[in-house]
C-alpha atoms as a PDB file:
ATOM      1  CA  MET A   1     -16.833 -41.269 -20.703  1.00  0.00           C
ATOM      2  CA  GLU A   2     -16.025 -37.748 -19.608  1.00  0.00           C
ATOM      3  CA  VAL A   3     -12.544 -37.093 -18.204  1.00  0.00           C
ATOM      4  CA  VAL A   4     -12.102 -33.860 -16.253  1.00  0.00           C
ATOM      5  CA  ILE A   5      -8.592 -32.854 -15.207  1.00  0.00           C
ATOM      6  CA  THR A   6      -9.013 -30.375 -12.388  1.00  0.00           C
ATOM      7  CA  PRO A   7      -7.715 -29.330  -8.967  1.00  0.00           C
ATOM      8  CA  ASP A   8     -11.352 -28.883  -7.942  1.00  0.00           C
ATOM      9  CA  ALA A   9     -12.542 -32.490  -8.172  1.00  0.00           C
ATOM     10  CA  ALA A  10     -14.121 -32.437  -4.710  1.00  0.00           C
ATOM     11  CA  VAL A  11     -16.122 -29.303  -5.538  1.00  0.00           C
ATOM     12  CA  LEU A  12     -17.360 -30.680  -8.864  1.00  0.00           C
ATOM     13  CA  ALA A  13     -18.281 -34.025  -7.322  1.00  0.00           C
ATOM     14  CA  ALA A  14     -20.123 -32.344  -4.455  1.00  0.00           C
ATOM     15  CA  ASP A  15     -21.968 -30.139  -6.951  1.00  0.00           C
ATOM     16  CA  ALA A  16     -23.110 -33.226  -8.886  1.00  0.00           C
ATOM     17  CA  ILE A  17     -24.315 -35.032  -5.756  1.00  0.00           C
ATOM     18  CA  GLU A  18     -26.172 -31.978  -4.470  1.00  0.00           C
ATOM     19  CA  ALA A  19     -27.790 -31.349  -7.863  1.00  0.00           C
ATOM     20  CA  LEU A  20     -29.052 -34.926  -7.912  1.00  0.00           C
ATOM     21  CA  VAL A  21     -30.482 -34.746  -4.385  1.00  0.00           C
ATOM     22  CA  ARG A  22     -32.200 -31.440  -5.086  1.00  0.00           C
ATOM     23  CA  ALA A  23     -33.781 -32.865  -8.225  1.00  0.00           C
ATOM     24  CA  GLN A  24     -34.558 -36.238  -6.603  1.00  0.00           C
ATOM     25  CA  PRO A  25     -34.989 -35.945  -2.818  1.00  0.00           C
ATOM     26  CA  ALA A  26     -35.308 -39.756  -2.602  1.00  0.00           C
ATOM     27  CA  ALA A  27     -32.112 -40.357  -4.585  1.00  0.00           C
ATOM     28  CA  VAL A  28     -30.089 -43.528  -4.048  1.00  0.00           C
ATOM     29  CA  LEU A  29     -26.366 -42.937  -3.577  1.00  0.00           C
ATOM     30  CA  GLY A  30     -23.643 -45.550  -3.916  1.00  0.00           C
ATOM     31  CA  LEU A  31     -20.770 -44.729  -1.600  1.00  0.00           C
ATOM     32  CA  ALA A  32     -17.119 -45.715  -1.743  1.00  0.00           C
ATOM     33  CA  THR A  33     -14.683 -45.492   1.147  1.00  0.00           C
ATOM     34  CA  GLY A  34     -10.935 -44.904   1.007  1.00  0.00           C
ATOM     35  CA  SER A  35      -8.906 -41.745   0.576  1.00  0.00           C
ATOM     36  CA  SER A  36     -10.145 -40.674  -2.885  1.00  0.00           C
ATOM     37  CA  PRO A  37     -13.725 -39.665  -1.950  1.00  0.00           C
ATOM     38  CA  LEU A  38     -12.817 -38.037   1.376  1.00  0.00           C
ATOM     39  CA  PRO A  39     -12.375 -34.458   0.086  1.00  0.00           C
ATOM     40  CA  THR A  40     -15.766 -34.704  -1.614  1.00  0.00           C
ATOM     41  CA  TYR A  41     -17.416 -36.004   1.547  1.00  0.00           C
ATOM     42  CA  GLN A  42     -15.799 -33.260   3.603  1.00  0.00           C
ATOM     43  CA  GLU A  43     -17.045 -30.653   1.137  1.00  0.00           C
ATOM     44  CA  LEU A  44     -20.595 -32.005   1.308  1.00  0.00           C
ATOM     45  CA  ILE A  45     -20.556 -31.966   5.116  1.00  0.00           C
ATOM     46  CA  ARG A  46     -19.111 -28.440   5.163  1.00  0.00           C
ATOM     47  CA  ARG A  47     -21.912 -27.164   2.932  1.00  0.00           C
ATOM     48  CA  HIS A  48     -24.552 -29.023   4.928  1.00  0.00           C
ATOM     49  CA  ARG A  49     -23.345 -27.552   8.222  1.00  0.00           C
ATOM     50  CA  ASN A  50     -23.305 -24.076   6.671  1.00  0.00           C
ATOM     51  CA  GLY A  51     -26.922 -24.501   5.621  1.00  0.00           C
ATOM     52  CA  ALA A  52     -26.081 -24.407   1.912  1.00  0.00           C
ATOM     53  CA  GLY A  53     -26.727 -28.059   1.088  1.00  0.00           C
ATOM     54  CA  PRO A  54     -29.996 -29.854   0.352  1.00  0.00           C
ATOM     55  CA  SER A  55     -31.922 -32.031   2.774  1.00  0.00           C
ATOM     56  CA  TYR A  56     -30.779 -35.654   2.762  1.00  0.00           C
ATOM     57  CA  ASP A  57     -33.744 -36.939   4.765  1.00  0.00           C
ATOM     58  CA  GLY A  58     -35.104 -39.013   1.878  1.00  0.00           C
ATOM     59  CA  VAL A  59     -31.783 -40.307   0.548  1.00  0.00           C
ATOM     60  CA  ARG A  60     -30.868 -44.008   0.596  1.00  0.00           C
ATOM     61  CA  CYS A  61     -27.258 -45.175   0.523  1.00  0.00           C
ATOM     62  CA  PHE A  62     -25.487 -48.396  -0.423  1.00  0.00           C
ATOM     63  CA  THR A  63     -21.824 -49.015   0.306  1.00  0.00           C
ATOM     64  CA  LEU A  64     -19.634 -50.699  -2.274  1.00  0.00           C
ATOM     65  CA  ASP A  65     -18.225 -53.383  -0.028  1.00  0.00           C
ATOM     66  CA  GLU A  66     -17.601 -54.731   3.471  1.00  0.00           C
ATOM     67  CA  TYR A  67     -14.893 -56.710   5.219  1.00  0.00           C
ATOM     68  CA  ILE A  68     -15.640 -60.206   6.482  1.00  0.00           C
ATOM     69  CA  GLY A  69     -14.418 -61.124   9.949  1.00  0.00           C
ATOM     70  CA  LEU A  70     -14.458 -57.784  11.740  1.00  0.00           C
ATOM     71  CA  PRO A  71     -16.641 -57.564  14.858  1.00  0.00           C
ATOM     72  CA  THR A  72     -19.848 -55.541  14.639  1.00  0.00           C
ATOM     73  CA  GLY A  73     -19.067 -51.867  15.126  1.00  0.00           C
ATOM     74  CA  HIS A  74     -15.353 -52.214  14.318  1.00  0.00           C
ATOM     75  CA  PRO A  75     -14.160 -48.696  13.392  1.00  0.00           C
ATOM     76  CA  GLU A  76     -12.580 -49.890  10.142  1.00  0.00           C
ATOM     77  CA  SER A  77     -15.638 -51.732   8.880  1.00  0.00           C
ATOM     78  CA  TYR A  78     -16.937 -49.902   5.851  1.00  0.00           C
ATOM     79  CA  ARG A  79     -20.337 -49.404   7.421  1.00  0.00           C
ATOM     80  CA  GLU A  80     -18.814 -47.592  10.408  1.00  0.00           C
ATOM     81  CA  THR A  81     -16.405 -45.736   8.134  1.00  0.00           C
ATOM     82  CA  ILE A  82     -19.158 -44.316   5.933  1.00  0.00           C
ATOM     83  CA  PHE A  83     -21.174 -43.311   9.029  1.00  0.00           C
ATOM     84  CA  ARG A  84     -18.130 -41.464  10.347  1.00  0.00           C
ATOM     85  CA  GLU A  85     -16.936 -39.924   7.101  1.00  0.00           C
ATOM     86  CA  LEU A  86     -20.204 -38.896   5.486  1.00  0.00           C
ATOM     87  CA  THR A  87     -23.707 -40.009   6.367  1.00  0.00           C
ATOM     88  CA  ASP A  88     -23.790 -39.006  10.049  1.00  0.00           C
ATOM     89  CA  GLY A  89     -22.484 -35.579   9.038  1.00  0.00           C
ATOM     90  CA  LEU A  90     -25.280 -35.188   6.478  1.00  0.00           C
ATOM     91  CA  GLY A  91     -27.951 -36.300   8.917  1.00  0.00           C
ATOM     92  CA  ILE A  92     -28.803 -39.467   6.990  1.00  0.00           C
ATOM     93  CA  ALA A  93     -30.426 -41.938   9.375  1.00  0.00           C
ATOM     94  CA  ARG A  94     -28.285 -45.031   9.851  1.00  0.00           C
ATOM     95  CA  GLU A  95     -31.121 -47.351   8.914  1.00  0.00           C
ATOM     96  CA  ARG A  96     -31.096 -45.753   5.451  1.00  0.00           C
ATOM     97  CA  VAL A  97     -27.483 -46.855   4.892  1.00  0.00           C
ATOM     98  CA  SER A  98     -27.071 -50.428   3.646  1.00  0.00           C
ATOM     99  CA  SER A  99     -23.992 -52.593   3.267  1.00  0.00           C
ATOM    100  CA  PRO A 100     -23.406 -56.289   2.491  1.00  0.00           C
ATOM    101  CA  ASP A 101     -24.009 -58.494   5.531  1.00  0.00           C
ATOM    102  CA  PRO A 102     -20.684 -60.085   6.546  1.00  0.00           C
ATOM    103  CA  SER A 103     -22.399 -62.398   9.031  1.00  0.00           C
ATOM    104  CA  ASP A 104     -23.852 -64.474   6.191  1.00  0.00           C
ATOM    105  CA  PRO A 105     -21.312 -64.328   3.355  1.00  0.00           C
ATOM    106  CA  GLN A 106     -22.823 -67.256   1.470  1.00  0.00           C
ATOM    107  CA  ARG A 107     -26.142 -65.493   0.897  1.00  0.00           C
ATOM    108  CA  ALA A 108     -25.186 -61.856   1.414  1.00  0.00           C
ATOM    109  CA  GLY A 109     -24.416 -61.151  -2.226  1.00  0.00           C
ATOM    110  CA  GLU A 110     -27.788 -62.228  -3.554  1.00  0.00           C
ATOM    111  CA  ARG A 111     -29.600 -60.389  -0.775  1.00  0.00           C
ATOM    112  CA  TYR A 112     -27.646 -57.187  -1.437  1.00  0.00           C
ATOM    113  CA  GLU A 113     -28.452 -57.323  -5.140  1.00  0.00           C
ATOM    114  CA  GLU A 114     -32.137 -57.712  -4.257  1.00  0.00           C
ATOM    115  CA  ALA A 115     -31.978 -54.751  -1.864  1.00  0.00           C
ATOM    116  CA  ILE A 116     -30.455 -52.470  -4.495  1.00  0.00           C
ATOM    117  CA  VAL A 117     -33.120 -53.444  -7.020  1.00  0.00           C
ATOM    118  CA  ALA A 118     -35.885 -52.956  -4.439  1.00  0.00           C
ATOM    119  CA  ALA A 119     -34.587 -49.422  -3.777  1.00  0.00           C
ATOM    120  CA  GLY A 120     -34.900 -48.606  -7.482  1.00  0.00           C
ATOM    121  CA  GLY A 121     -31.218 -48.901  -8.316  1.00  0.00           C
ATOM    122  CA  VAL A 122     -28.323 -46.566  -7.598  1.00  0.00           C
ATOM    123  CA  ASP A 123     -28.653 -43.091  -9.110  1.00  0.00           C
ATOM    124  CA  LEU A 124     -25.052 -41.997  -8.568  1.00  0.00           C
ATOM    125  CA  GLN A 125     -22.164 -44.265  -7.612  1.00  0.00           C
ATOM    126  CA  VAL A 126     -19.023 -42.716  -6.132  1.00  0.00           C
ATOM    127  CA  LEU A 127     -15.884 -44.703  -6.996  1.00  0.00           C
ATOM    128  CA  GLY A 128     -12.181 -44.744  -6.325  1.00  0.00           C
ATOM    129  CA  ILE A 129      -9.578 -46.781  -8.203  1.00  0.00           C
ATOM    130  CA  GLY A 130      -6.861 -49.048  -6.866  1.00  0.00           C
ATOM    131  CA  SER A 131      -3.242 -48.701  -7.930  1.00  0.00           C
ATOM    132  CA  ASP A 132      -3.648 -51.967  -9.866  1.00  0.00           C
ATOM    133  CA  GLY A 133      -6.902 -50.812 -11.473  1.00  0.00           C
ATOM    134  CA  HIS A 134      -9.267 -52.595  -9.108  1.00  0.00           C
ATOM    135  CA  LEU A 135     -12.743 -51.164  -8.685  1.00  0.00           C
ATOM    136  CA  ALA A 136     -14.411 -51.705  -5.329  1.00  0.00           C
ATOM    137  CA  PHE A 137     -12.758 -55.048  -4.428  1.00  0.00           C
ATOM    138  CA  ASN A 138     -12.930 -56.438  -7.937  1.00  0.00           C
ATOM    139  CA  GLU A 139      -9.291 -57.380  -8.372  1.00  0.00           C
ATOM    140  CA  PRO A 140      -7.626 -57.863 -11.787  1.00  0.00           C
ATOM    141  CA  GLY A 141      -9.149 -60.943 -13.377  1.00  0.00           C
ATOM    142  CA  SER A 142     -12.654 -60.286 -12.045  1.00  0.00           C
ATOM    143  CA  SER A 143     -15.548 -60.955 -14.382  1.00  0.00           C
ATOM    144  CA  LEU A 144     -16.760 -57.812 -16.101  1.00  0.00           C
ATOM    145  CA  ALA A 145     -20.344 -59.031 -15.522  1.00  0.00           C
ATOM    146  CA  SER A 146     -19.867 -59.997 -11.847  1.00  0.00           C
ATOM    147  CA  THR A 147     -22.424 -59.274  -9.144  1.00  0.00           C
ATOM    148  CA  THR A 148     -22.062 -58.834  -5.369  1.00  0.00           C
ATOM    149  CA  ARG A 149     -20.032 -61.738  -3.951  1.00  0.00           C
ATOM    150  CA  ILE A 150     -17.198 -62.778  -1.656  1.00  0.00           C
ATOM    151  CA  LYS A 151     -13.639 -62.037  -2.809  1.00  0.00           C
ATOM    152  CA  THR A 152     -10.172 -62.842  -1.484  1.00  0.00           C
ATOM    153  CA  LEU A 153      -7.909 -59.809  -1.248  1.00  0.00           C
ATOM    154  CA  THR A 154      -4.500 -59.853  -2.888  1.00  0.00           C
ATOM    155  CA  ALA A 155      -1.360 -59.050  -0.922  1.00  0.00           C
ATOM    156  CA  ARG A 156      -1.047 -55.766  -2.810  1.00  0.00           C
ATOM    157  CA  THR A 157      -4.525 -54.614  -1.845  1.00  0.00           C
ATOM    158  CA  ARG A 158      -3.997 -55.634   1.771  1.00  0.00           C
ATOM    159  CA  GLU A 159      -0.761 -53.630   1.797  1.00  0.00           C
ATOM    160  CA  ASP A 160      -2.610 -50.635   0.324  1.00  0.00           C
ATOM    161  CA  ASN A 161      -5.206 -50.858   3.120  1.00  0.00           C
ATOM    162  CA  ALA A 162      -2.758 -51.560   5.937  1.00  0.00           C
ATOM    163  CA  ARG A 163      -2.576 -47.838   6.744  1.00  0.00           C
ATOM    164  CA  PHE A 164      -6.050 -48.155   8.276  1.00  0.00           C
ATOM    165  CA  PHE A 165      -5.130 -51.176  10.420  1.00  0.00           C
ATOM    166  CA  GLY A 166      -1.476 -50.888  11.371  1.00  0.00           C
ATOM    167  CA  SER A 167      -0.094 -53.791   9.325  1.00  0.00           C
ATOM    168  CA  PRO A 168      -1.105 -55.931   6.314  1.00  0.00           C
ATOM    169  CA  ASP A 169      -1.571 -58.926   8.632  1.00  0.00           C
ATOM    170  CA  GLU A 170      -4.421 -57.126  10.401  1.00  0.00           C
ATOM    171  CA  VAL A 171      -6.349 -56.503   7.173  1.00  0.00           C
ATOM    172  CA  PRO A 172      -9.052 -59.150   6.652  1.00  0.00           C
ATOM    173  CA  ARG A 173      -8.406 -61.587   3.804  1.00  0.00           C
ATOM    174  CA  HIS A 174     -11.990 -61.657   2.569  1.00  0.00           C
ATOM    175  CA  VAL A 175     -14.599 -59.066   1.634  1.00  0.00           C
ATOM    176  CA  LEU A 176     -18.057 -58.807   0.172  1.00  0.00           C
ATOM    177  CA  THR A 177     -18.049 -56.471  -2.803  1.00  0.00           C
ATOM    178  CA  GLN A 178     -20.412 -55.189  -5.413  1.00  0.00           C
ATOM    179  CA  GLY A 179     -19.477 -56.738  -8.745  1.00  0.00           C
ATOM    180  CA  LEU A 180     -18.507 -54.884 -11.879  1.00  0.00           C
ATOM    181  CA  GLY A 181     -21.880 -55.738 -13.396  1.00  0.00           C
ATOM    182  CA  THR A 182     -23.594 -54.339 -10.303  1.00  0.00           C
ATOM    183  CA  ILE A 183     -21.609 -51.100 -10.538  1.00  0.00           C
ATOM    184  CA  LEU A 184     -22.458 -50.712 -14.219  1.00  0.00           C
ATOM    185  CA  ARG A 185     -26.182 -50.690 -13.399  1.00  0.00           C
ATOM    186  CA  ALA A 186     -25.861 -47.384 -11.533  1.00  0.00           C
ATOM    187  CA  ARG A 187     -27.173 -44.493 -13.618  1.00  0.00           C
ATOM    188  CA  HIS A 188     -24.129 -42.239 -13.113  1.00  0.00           C
ATOM    189  CA  LEU A 189     -20.614 -43.388 -12.249  1.00  0.00           C
ATOM    190  CA  LEU A 190     -18.338 -40.793 -10.656  1.00  0.00           C
ATOM    191  CA  LEU A 191     -14.718 -41.897 -10.289  1.00  0.00           C
ATOM    192  CA  LEU A 192     -12.259 -39.804  -8.273  1.00  0.00           C
ATOM    193  CA  ALA A 193      -8.480 -40.214  -8.367  1.00  0.00           C
ATOM    194  CA  SER A 194      -5.552 -38.097  -7.232  1.00  0.00           C
ATOM    195  CA  GLY A 195      -1.793 -38.434  -7.048  1.00  0.00           C
ATOM    196  CA  ALA A 196       0.892 -39.940  -9.247  1.00  0.00           C
ATOM    197  CA  GLY A 197       0.379 -43.342  -7.655  1.00  0.00           C
ATOM    198  CA  LYS A 198      -2.927 -43.654  -9.520  1.00  0.00           C
ATOM    199  CA  ALA A 199      -1.636 -42.423 -12.894  1.00  0.00           C
ATOM    200  CA  ASP A 200      -0.989 -45.844 -14.455  1.00  0.00           C
ATOM    201  CA  ALA A 201      -4.324 -47.209 -13.291  1.00  0.00           C
ATOM    202  CA  VAL A 202      -6.233 -44.176 -14.577  1.00  0.00           C
ATOM    203  CA  ALA A 203      -4.514 -44.404 -17.964  1.00  0.00           C
ATOM    204  CA  ALA A 204      -5.315 -48.114 -18.240  1.00  0.00           C
ATOM    205  CA  ALA A 205      -8.932 -47.573 -17.229  1.00  0.00           C
ATOM    206  CA  VAL A 206      -9.579 -44.630 -19.542  1.00  0.00           C
ATOM    207  CA  GLU A 207      -7.359 -45.270 -22.565  1.00  0.00           C
ATOM    208  CA  GLY A 208      -6.379 -48.916 -22.350  1.00  0.00           C
ATOM    209  CA  PRO A 209      -8.299 -51.871 -23.730  1.00  0.00           C
ATOM    210  CA  LEU A 210     -11.450 -53.113 -22.050  1.00  0.00           C
ATOM    211  CA  SER A 211     -10.008 -55.954 -20.029  1.00  0.00           C
ATOM    212  CA  ALA A 212     -10.451 -57.883 -16.811  1.00  0.00           C
ATOM    213  CA  SER A 213      -6.766 -57.113 -16.242  1.00  0.00           C
ATOM    214  CA  CYS A 214      -7.916 -53.573 -15.413  1.00  0.00           C
ATOM    215  CA  PRO A 215     -11.349 -53.902 -13.799  1.00  0.00           C
ATOM    216  CA  ALA A 216     -11.901 -50.128 -13.859  1.00  0.00           C
ATOM    217  CA  SER A 217     -11.840 -50.240 -17.661  1.00  0.00           C
ATOM    218  CA  VAL A 218     -15.520 -51.273 -17.467  1.00  0.00           C
ATOM    219  CA  LEU A 219     -16.267 -47.564 -17.137  1.00  0.00           C
ATOM    220  CA  GLN A 220     -15.745 -47.448 -20.904  1.00  0.00           C
ATOM    221  CA  LEU A 221     -19.020 -49.377 -21.274  1.00  0.00           C
ATOM    222  CA  HIS A 222     -21.127 -46.959 -19.251  1.00  0.00           C
ATOM    223  CA  PRO A 223     -23.294 -44.275 -20.902  1.00  0.00           C
ATOM    224  CA  HIS A 224     -22.683 -41.759 -18.106  1.00  0.00           C
ATOM    225  CA  ALA A 225     -19.278 -42.169 -16.489  1.00  0.00           C
ATOM    226  CA  THR A 226     -17.315 -39.188 -15.193  1.00  0.00           C
ATOM    227  CA  VAL A 227     -13.630 -39.389 -14.221  1.00  0.00           C
ATOM    228  CA  LEU A 228     -12.350 -36.516 -12.052  1.00  0.00           C
ATOM    229  CA  VAL A 229      -8.564 -36.462 -11.711  1.00  0.00           C
ATOM    230  CA  ASP A 230      -5.850 -34.030 -10.705  1.00  0.00           C
ATOM    231  CA  ASP A 231      -2.775 -33.300 -12.826  1.00  0.00           C
ATOM    232  CA  ALA A 232      -0.699 -35.996 -11.145  1.00  0.00           C
ATOM    233  CA  ALA A 233      -3.294 -38.737 -11.637  1.00  0.00           C
ATOM    234  CA  ALA A 234      -3.736 -37.576 -15.246  1.00  0.00           C
ATOM    235  CA  SER A 235      -0.018 -37.654 -16.015  1.00  0.00           C
ATOM    236  CA  GLY A 236      -0.217 -40.971 -17.887  1.00  0.00           C
ATOM    237  CA  LEU A 237      -3.064 -39.935 -20.191  1.00  0.00           C
ATOM    238  CA  GLU A 238      -2.043 -39.557 -23.819  1.00  0.00           C
ATOM    239  CA  ARG A 239      -5.116 -37.482 -24.678  1.00  0.00           C
ATOM    240  CA  ALA A 240      -4.926 -35.120 -21.698  1.00  0.00           C
ATOM    241  CA  GLY A 241      -4.872 -32.074 -23.981  1.00  0.00           C
ATOM    242  CA  TYR A 242      -8.071 -33.246 -25.661  1.00  0.00           C
ATOM    243  CA  TYR A 243      -9.866 -33.780 -22.344  1.00  0.00           C
ATOM    244  CA  ARG A 244      -8.904 -30.294 -21.184  1.00  0.00           C
ATOM    245  CA  GLU A 245     -10.053 -28.700 -24.441  1.00  0.00           C
ATOM    246  CA  VAL A 246     -13.392 -30.481 -24.472  1.00  0.00           C
ATOM    247  CA  TYR A 247     -14.171 -29.665 -20.846  1.00  0.00           C
ATOM    248  CA  ALA A 248     -13.173 -26.013 -21.282  1.00  0.00           C
ATOM    249  CA  GLY A 249     -15.665 -25.725 -24.144  1.00  0.00           C
ATOM    250  CA  LYS A 250     -18.509 -27.534 -22.409  1.00  0.00           C
ATOM    251  CA  PRO A 251     -21.770 -25.586 -21.947  1.00  0.00           C
ATOM    252  CA  GLY A 252     -22.067 -24.463 -18.352  1.00  0.00           C
ATOM    253  CA  TRP A 253     -25.615 -25.775 -17.972  1.00  0.00           C
ATOM    254  CA  GLN A 254     -24.554 -29.341 -18.742  1.00  0.00           C
ATOM    255  CA  GLY A 255     -22.868 -30.181 -15.430  1.00  0.00           C
ATOM    256  CA  ILE A 256     -21.016 -33.473 -15.230  1.00  0.00           C
END
């Protein structure tokens, strides 16, 4: 795992995504929603509009999760959110963006797994981290080998997401989410975190034991996982000095 403590996380993440798409025009991107990836998405759209970004015509996208119970086209569904926050701005056709089907939650997980495999697997998966260490909607206690399935949201997660709905009571109680095992199959994991509110979760994920109590700790198992954090989110890391030293000495050609 590579940990990069930087104020330029959005720039580095955008660089990595663009480098992938230039090298593989038919790349498959895994996309998270929430506040953590937004600066990266805004940076990608800015570059694309300025004519500096690559073509995304051949790119396929898979979202991490989807609420169950929202009407089709609801602005806070994750499908509509990713259209609005990224893919429409990059000119990616909507039919090339897939998400779990909330209309058939009993079979949606298996079908989503099949769709990801049929696309050749995810090349780069963008991730955020919950304040309790959850990854996608894999809450503490989730199986480290889990696949896409239905999950019940905890009160804490619903409170965290209430800012998008107005109140916790308006947040759906159930979601379809990629499992931790599904996420681990992506070829590059790129986790973004900022702010002191994520410091404990980042420390547990990066330096704590591998445990279902911190689902994001599964990143420790991945051969190519990159964690981009600002100073505040890195404030709980005991080896912060080491991460800074190693990154400062990294060959420039290596990227992340």
